[in-house]
Amino acid sequence: MRVLAEATVYLATSPKSNSAYMAINNALELVRQTGNLPVPLHLRNAPTKLMKQLGYGDNYKHAHDYPGHFVKQQFLPDELKDRESFSIRLRATRQRNASDTENTASGTSRIGVVRMSCLDL
């Protein structure tokens, strides 16, 4: 219970952003406009011989095989590959409490904690 309470306070006091909300709305509108588009072949699973022959899974790049566990790869259907529905806007995070940068009662200075979460983007 204690961890749940700490997580609740952490999330309640975190900087907020509506970027995820806006991204979901943009994605839903995009689906309404374009309908059901095919998943790129290299992302498809190939559990059968026929699917392998059709190119399912060919040239898939496993992110964990690359530096930083990141690889540039097309994940959207061809019709949407240049479409941007979520834009990350980095912004300075605010300090959790003003006391993080003030002197404590013991006279020692605490270093301000910079927290970054997906909500801060």
Protein backbone atom coordinates (compact mmCIF):
# COMPACT_ATOMS: atom_id res chain seq x y z
CA MET A 1 0.00 0.00 0.00
CA ARG A 2 2.84 2.37 0.79
CA VAL A 3 4.30 2.09 -2.72
CA LEU A 4 0.87 2.74 -4.24
CA ALA A 5 0.48 5.86 -2.08
CA GLU A 6 3.94 7.10 -3.08
CA ALA A 7 3.19 6.49 -6.76
CA THR A 8 -0.11 8.36 -6.43
CA VAL A 9 1.56 11.40 -4.86
CA TYR A 10 4.36 11.32 -7.45
CA LEU A 11 1.90 11.29 -10.35
CA ALA A 12 -0.37 13.90 -8.77
CA THR A 13 2.52 16.33 -8.34
CA SER A 14 4.18 15.66 -11.70
CA PRO A 15 4.14 18.26 -14.47
CA LYS A 16 1.23 17.59 -16.79
CA SER A 17 0.88 17.64 -20.53
CA ASN A 18 -1.95 16.90 -22.92
CA SER A 19 0.39 15.54 -25.63
CA ALA A 20 -0.72 11.92 -25.16
CA TYR A 21 -4.38 12.97 -25.20
CA MET A 22 -3.85 14.97 -28.40
CA ALA A 23 -1.87 12.13 -30.01
CA ILE A 24 -4.65 9.61 -29.35
CA ASN A 25 -7.25 11.98 -30.78
CA ASN A 26 -5.07 12.57 -33.87
CA ALA A 27 -4.56 8.83 -34.35
CA LEU A 28 -8.29 8.11 -34.04
CA GLU A 29 -9.10 10.80 -36.60
CA LEU A 30 -6.45 9.40 -38.93
CA VAL A 31 -8.01 5.93 -38.72
CA ARG A 32 -11.43 7.42 -39.46
CA GLN A 33 -9.98 9.08 -42.57
CA THR A 34 -7.83 6.21 -43.88
CA GLY A 35 -9.58 3.10 -42.66
CA ASN A 36 -7.82 -0.19 -41.99
CA LEU A 37 -4.40 -0.07 -43.69
CA PRO A 38 -2.03 -3.06 -43.97
CA VAL A 39 0.84 -3.55 -41.53
CA PRO A 40 4.22 -3.35 -43.32
CA LEU A 41 5.45 -6.83 -44.31
CA HIS A 42 8.69 -6.61 -42.32
CA LEU A 43 6.66 -6.19 -39.10
CA ARG A 44 4.44 -9.20 -39.71
CA ASN A 45 5.00 -12.50 -37.97
CA ALA A 46 5.79 -15.44 -40.26
CA PRO A 47 4.57 -18.57 -38.47
CA THR A 48 4.00 -20.51 -41.71
CA LYS A 49 6.14 -21.42 -44.71
CA LEU A 50 3.80 -19.53 -47.04
CA MET A 51 4.07 -16.34 -44.97
CA LYS A 52 7.87 -16.61 -45.04
CA GLN A 53 7.73 -17.02 -48.83
CA LEU A 54 5.53 -13.92 -49.05
CA GLY A 55 8.18 -11.89 -47.22
CA TYR A 56 6.59 -11.59 -43.82
CA GLY A 57 9.23 -10.53 -41.31
CA ASP A 58 11.96 -10.00 -43.94
CA ASN A 59 14.45 -7.24 -43.10
CA TYR A 60 12.97 -6.64 -39.65
CA LYS A 61 15.50 -4.81 -37.49
CA HIS A 62 15.58 -5.87 -33.83
CA ALA A 63 16.14 -2.70 -31.80
CA HIS A 64 18.09 -4.56 -29.10
CA ASP A 65 20.74 -5.42 -31.72
CA TYR A 66 21.60 -1.73 -32.21
CA PRO A 67 23.42 0.85 -30.07
CA GLY A 68 21.12 2.41 -27.53
CA HIS A 69 18.49 -0.22 -28.39
CA PHE A 70 17.10 2.08 -31.07
CA VAL A 71 16.92 1.64 -34.82
CA LYS A 72 15.22 3.74 -37.44
CA GLN A 73 12.57 1.61 -39.07
CA GLN A 74 9.22 2.16 -40.76
CA PHE A 75 6.37 1.11 -38.49
CA LEU A 76 3.43 2.73 -40.27
CA PRO A 77 1.76 1.61 -43.50
CA ASP A 78 3.25 3.14 -46.68
CA GLU A 79 0.31 5.54 -46.98
CA LEU A 80 1.15 7.01 -43.57
CA LYS A 81 4.93 6.68 -43.40
CA ASP A 82 5.52 10.43 -43.63
CA ARG A 83 2.55 11.38 -41.48
CA GLU A 84 3.23 12.72 -37.99
CA SER A 85 0.50 12.26 -35.41
CA PHE A 86 2.62 12.62 -32.28
CA SER A 87 5.26 15.26 -31.87
CA ILE A 88 7.58 15.23 -28.89
CA ARG A 89 8.09 18.69 -27.52
CA LEU A 90 10.80 18.72 -24.93
CA ARG A 91 10.38 21.30 -22.21
CA ALA A 92 12.19 22.10 -19.04
CA THR A 93 10.73 20.23 -16.12
CA ARG A 94 9.79 22.12 -13.04
CA GLN A 95 11.21 21.17 -9.69
CA ARG A 96 9.08 18.87 -7.60
CA ASN A 97 9.26 21.15 -4.58
CA ALA A 98 10.85 24.54 -4.10
CA SER A 99 12.71 23.04 -1.15
CA ASP A 100 14.73 20.83 -3.50
CA THR A 101 16.96 23.78 -4.32
CA GLU A 102 16.90 25.49 -0.93
CA ASN A 103 19.13 24.81 2.01
CA THR A 104 17.88 22.19 4.39
CA ALA A 105 17.63 22.65 8.14
CA SER A 106 21.02 20.98 8.58
CA GLY A 107 22.67 23.69 6.52
CA THR A 108 23.55 21.42 3.63
CA SER A 109 22.34 22.12 0.14
CA ARG A 110 20.21 19.55 -1.64
CA ILE A 111 20.54 19.23 -5.38
CA GLY A 112 17.30 19.82 -7.26
CA VAL A 113 15.85 16.67 -8.73
CA VAL A 114 15.00 16.82 -12.41
CA ARG A 115 12.33 14.29 -13.20
CA MET A 116 11.36 13.35 -16.71
CA SER A 117 8.46 11.16 -17.60
CA CYS A 118 6.46 10.53 -20.73
CA LEU A 119 4.04 13.17 -19.46
CA ASP A 120 6.82 15.77 -19.57
CA LEU A 121 7.36 15.34 -23.30
